[in-house]
Protein backbone atom coordinates (compact mmCIF):
# COMPACT_ATOMS: atom_id res chain seq x y z
CA MET A 1 19.15 73.99 -19.16
CA ASN A 2 18.53 70.27 -18.83
CA LEU A 3 20.84 67.84 -20.54
CA PHE A 4 19.71 64.38 -21.46
CA LYS A 5 21.03 61.58 -23.57
CA ARG A 6 19.05 61.21 -26.80
CA GLN A 7 18.65 57.79 -28.39
CA PRO A 8 17.36 57.21 -31.89
CA LEU A 9 13.82 55.85 -32.00
CA THR A 10 14.92 52.83 -34.01
CA THR A 11 16.72 51.14 -31.13
CA PRO A 12 15.23 47.84 -29.91
CA SER A 13 14.29 49.45 -26.57
CA HIS A 14 11.86 51.78 -28.38
CA LEU A 15 10.15 49.10 -30.48
CA PRO A 16 7.63 48.24 -27.73
CA LEU A 17 6.67 51.93 -27.63
CA PHE A 18 5.88 51.94 -31.35
CA SER A 19 3.96 48.70 -30.98
CA GLN A 20 1.95 50.12 -28.09
CA LEU A 21 1.26 53.36 -29.98
CA SER A 22 0.13 51.38 -33.04
CA ASP A 23 -2.17 49.21 -30.90
CA GLU A 24 -3.71 52.23 -29.20
CA MET A 25 -4.32 54.02 -32.51
CA ASN A 26 -5.93 50.89 -33.97
CA GLN A 27 -8.17 50.61 -30.91
CA PHE A 28 -9.16 54.25 -31.23
CA PHE A 29 -10.05 54.07 -34.90
CA ASP A 30 -11.62 50.59 -34.72
CA ARG A 31 -13.59 50.82 -31.51
CA ASP A 32 -13.42 54.16 -29.72
CA LEU A 33 -15.38 56.02 -32.36
CA GLY A 34 -18.36 54.19 -30.90
CA THR A 35 -21.65 54.39 -32.72
CA PHE A 36 -20.26 56.71 -35.41
CA GLY A 37 -18.03 53.93 -36.70
CA LYS A 38 -20.80 51.34 -36.56
CA ASN A 39 -23.34 53.58 -38.27
CA TRP A 40 -20.86 54.55 -40.99
CA GLU A 41 -20.09 50.89 -41.58
CA ALA A 42 -23.81 50.11 -41.87
CA LEU A 43 -24.43 53.08 -44.17
CA SER A 44 -21.54 52.24 -46.47
CA GLY A 45 -22.66 48.62 -46.82
CA ASN A 46 -19.12 47.36 -46.28
CA TRP A 47 -17.60 45.39 -43.43
CA GLN A 48 -14.58 43.20 -42.90
CA PRO A 49 -14.71 39.81 -41.21
CA ALA A 50 -12.13 39.21 -38.50
CA ILE A 51 -9.47 36.70 -39.56
CA ASP A 52 -6.87 34.44 -37.96
CA ILE A 53 -3.88 33.10 -39.88
CA GLU A 54 -2.18 30.01 -38.49
CA LYS A 55 1.15 28.85 -39.90
CA LYS A 56 1.81 25.14 -39.60
CA ASP A 57 4.64 22.96 -40.91
CA LYS A 58 2.87 21.95 -44.12
CA GLU A 59 0.08 24.51 -44.51
CA TYR A 60 -1.48 27.84 -43.62
CA ILE A 61 -4.95 27.86 -42.10
CA ILE A 62 -6.96 31.04 -42.49
CA ARG A 63 -10.17 31.43 -40.52
CA ALA A 64 -12.62 34.26 -41.15
CA ASP A 65 -15.73 35.07 -39.12
CA VAL A 66 -18.63 35.17 -41.58
CA PRO A 67 -21.76 34.46 -39.52
CA GLY A 68 -24.94 34.59 -41.53
CA VAL A 69 -23.12 34.36 -44.87
CA LYS A 70 -24.03 31.46 -47.12
CA SER A 71 -21.28 29.57 -48.94
CA LYS A 72 -22.78 30.56 -52.29
CA ASP A 73 -22.23 34.23 -51.33
CA ILE A 74 -18.47 33.81 -50.69
CA LYS A 75 -15.77 33.98 -53.35
CA VAL A 76 -12.19 32.89 -52.54
CA THR A 77 -9.43 33.46 -55.10
CA MET A 78 -5.65 33.08 -55.14
CA GLU A 79 -3.59 35.12 -57.58
CA ASN A 80 0.00 36.42 -57.53
CA GLY A 81 0.52 35.51 -53.89
CA MET A 82 -2.71 37.21 -52.75
CA LEU A 83 -5.58 35.25 -51.26
CA THR A 84 -8.79 37.25 -51.48
CA ILE A 85 -12.02 36.60 -49.65
CA GLU A 86 -15.06 38.52 -50.76
CA GLY A 87 -18.77 38.18 -50.47
CA ASN A 88 -22.03 39.59 -49.24
CA ARG A 89 -24.16 39.29 -46.13
CA GLU A 90 -27.74 40.20 -46.95
CA THR A 91 -29.56 42.74 -44.82
CA LYS A 92 -32.17 41.26 -42.50
CA VAL A 93 -33.22 44.55 -40.94
CA GLU A 94 -36.34 46.02 -42.49
CA GLU A 95 -36.47 49.64 -43.50
CA ASN A 96 -38.82 50.35 -40.58
CA LYS A 97 -36.21 50.87 -37.85
CA GLU A 98 -38.60 52.39 -35.31
CA ASN A 99 -38.65 49.23 -33.19
CA TYR A 100 -34.86 48.95 -33.04
CA HIS A 101 -32.99 50.48 -30.12
CA CYS A 102 -29.53 49.63 -31.44
CA ILE A 103 -28.21 48.24 -34.73
CA GLU A 104 -24.60 47.03 -34.57
CA ARG A 105 -24.51 44.02 -36.87
CA SER A 106 -23.03 44.86 -40.25
CA TYR A 107 -24.45 43.84 -43.59
CA GLY A 108 -23.39 44.25 -47.17
CA ASN A 109 -20.26 43.47 -49.14
CA PHE A 110 -16.96 42.45 -47.58
CA TYR A 111 -13.44 42.04 -48.93
CA ARG A 112 -10.17 40.85 -47.38
CA ALA A 113 -6.83 40.36 -49.13
CA ILE A 114 -4.06 38.34 -47.50
CA GLY A 115 -0.52 38.21 -48.85
CA LEU A 116 1.02 34.74 -48.74
CA PRO A 117 4.47 33.50 -49.77
CA ASP A 118 4.94 32.18 -53.28
CA ALA A 119 5.82 28.71 -51.97
CA ILE A 120 2.26 27.41 -51.82
CA ASN A 121 0.40 24.71 -53.70
CA THR A 122 -2.47 26.62 -55.33
CA ASN A 123 -3.99 23.44 -56.80
CA LYS A 124 -4.81 21.98 -53.37
CA ILE A 125 -6.35 24.98 -51.59
CA GLU A 126 -9.58 24.04 -49.79
CA ALA A 127 -12.30 26.22 -48.27
CA HIS A 128 -15.10 25.22 -45.88
CA ASN A 129 -17.84 27.33 -44.30
CA ARG A 130 -18.83 25.76 -40.95
CA ASN A 131 -20.99 27.42 -38.32
CA GLY A 132 -20.19 30.94 -39.51
CA VAL A 133 -16.43 30.39 -39.75
CA LEU A 134 -14.81 30.21 -43.18
CA GLU A 135 -11.73 27.98 -42.99
CA ILE A 136 -9.26 28.05 -45.88
CA ILE A 137 -6.43 25.50 -45.93
CA VAL A 138 -3.47 26.59 -48.06
CA PRO A 139 -0.85 23.82 -48.42
CA LYS A 140 2.77 24.83 -48.65
CA SER A 141 4.70 23.73 -51.72
CA THR A 142 7.57 21.33 -51.19
CA SER A 143 9.45 22.63 -54.22
CA SER A 144 10.58 25.83 -52.57
CA GLU A 145 12.83 25.32 -49.58
CA GLN A 146 15.02 27.80 -47.78
CA LYS A 147 18.60 27.64 -48.94
CA MET A 148 21.55 29.11 -47.10
CA ILE A 149 23.84 31.05 -49.41
CA GLN A 150 27.40 31.45 -48.27
CA VAL A 151 28.96 34.91 -48.54
CA HIS A 152 32.58 34.91 -49.69
CA ASP A 153 35.26 37.48 -49.06
CA ASP A 154 36.69 39.07 -52.22
């Protein structure tokens, strides 16, 4: 019989293992399904643009890859701390697919929802679509600052 010391999986030394497992599962489901995933995405008519969220001192900057999507086909809304980006990229591929060897570009509707803190100025949100990149600038509100609350002994 082998004896070994067992540590709970919630210790800080195991966190990188969970992170690595999560990354590998995401890679499998996002990319390793190969053409099945791409064809399913094309058949369903839904896709999700890749996004970056940058936190600065006075604002958040969200960038979404939306190549081939016109500004009139994009809707950006902010409600209850959720910024939503939705729209449509029209299909350019004709029904006659005999001349195509591979179709990987996705078309159809897209939708992304991003949770943001309540301390934002919703009246000054700006959105720009430049060269296939949607950039949304979300200013932080100055009215909500972090406050340290002292804990007293009873």
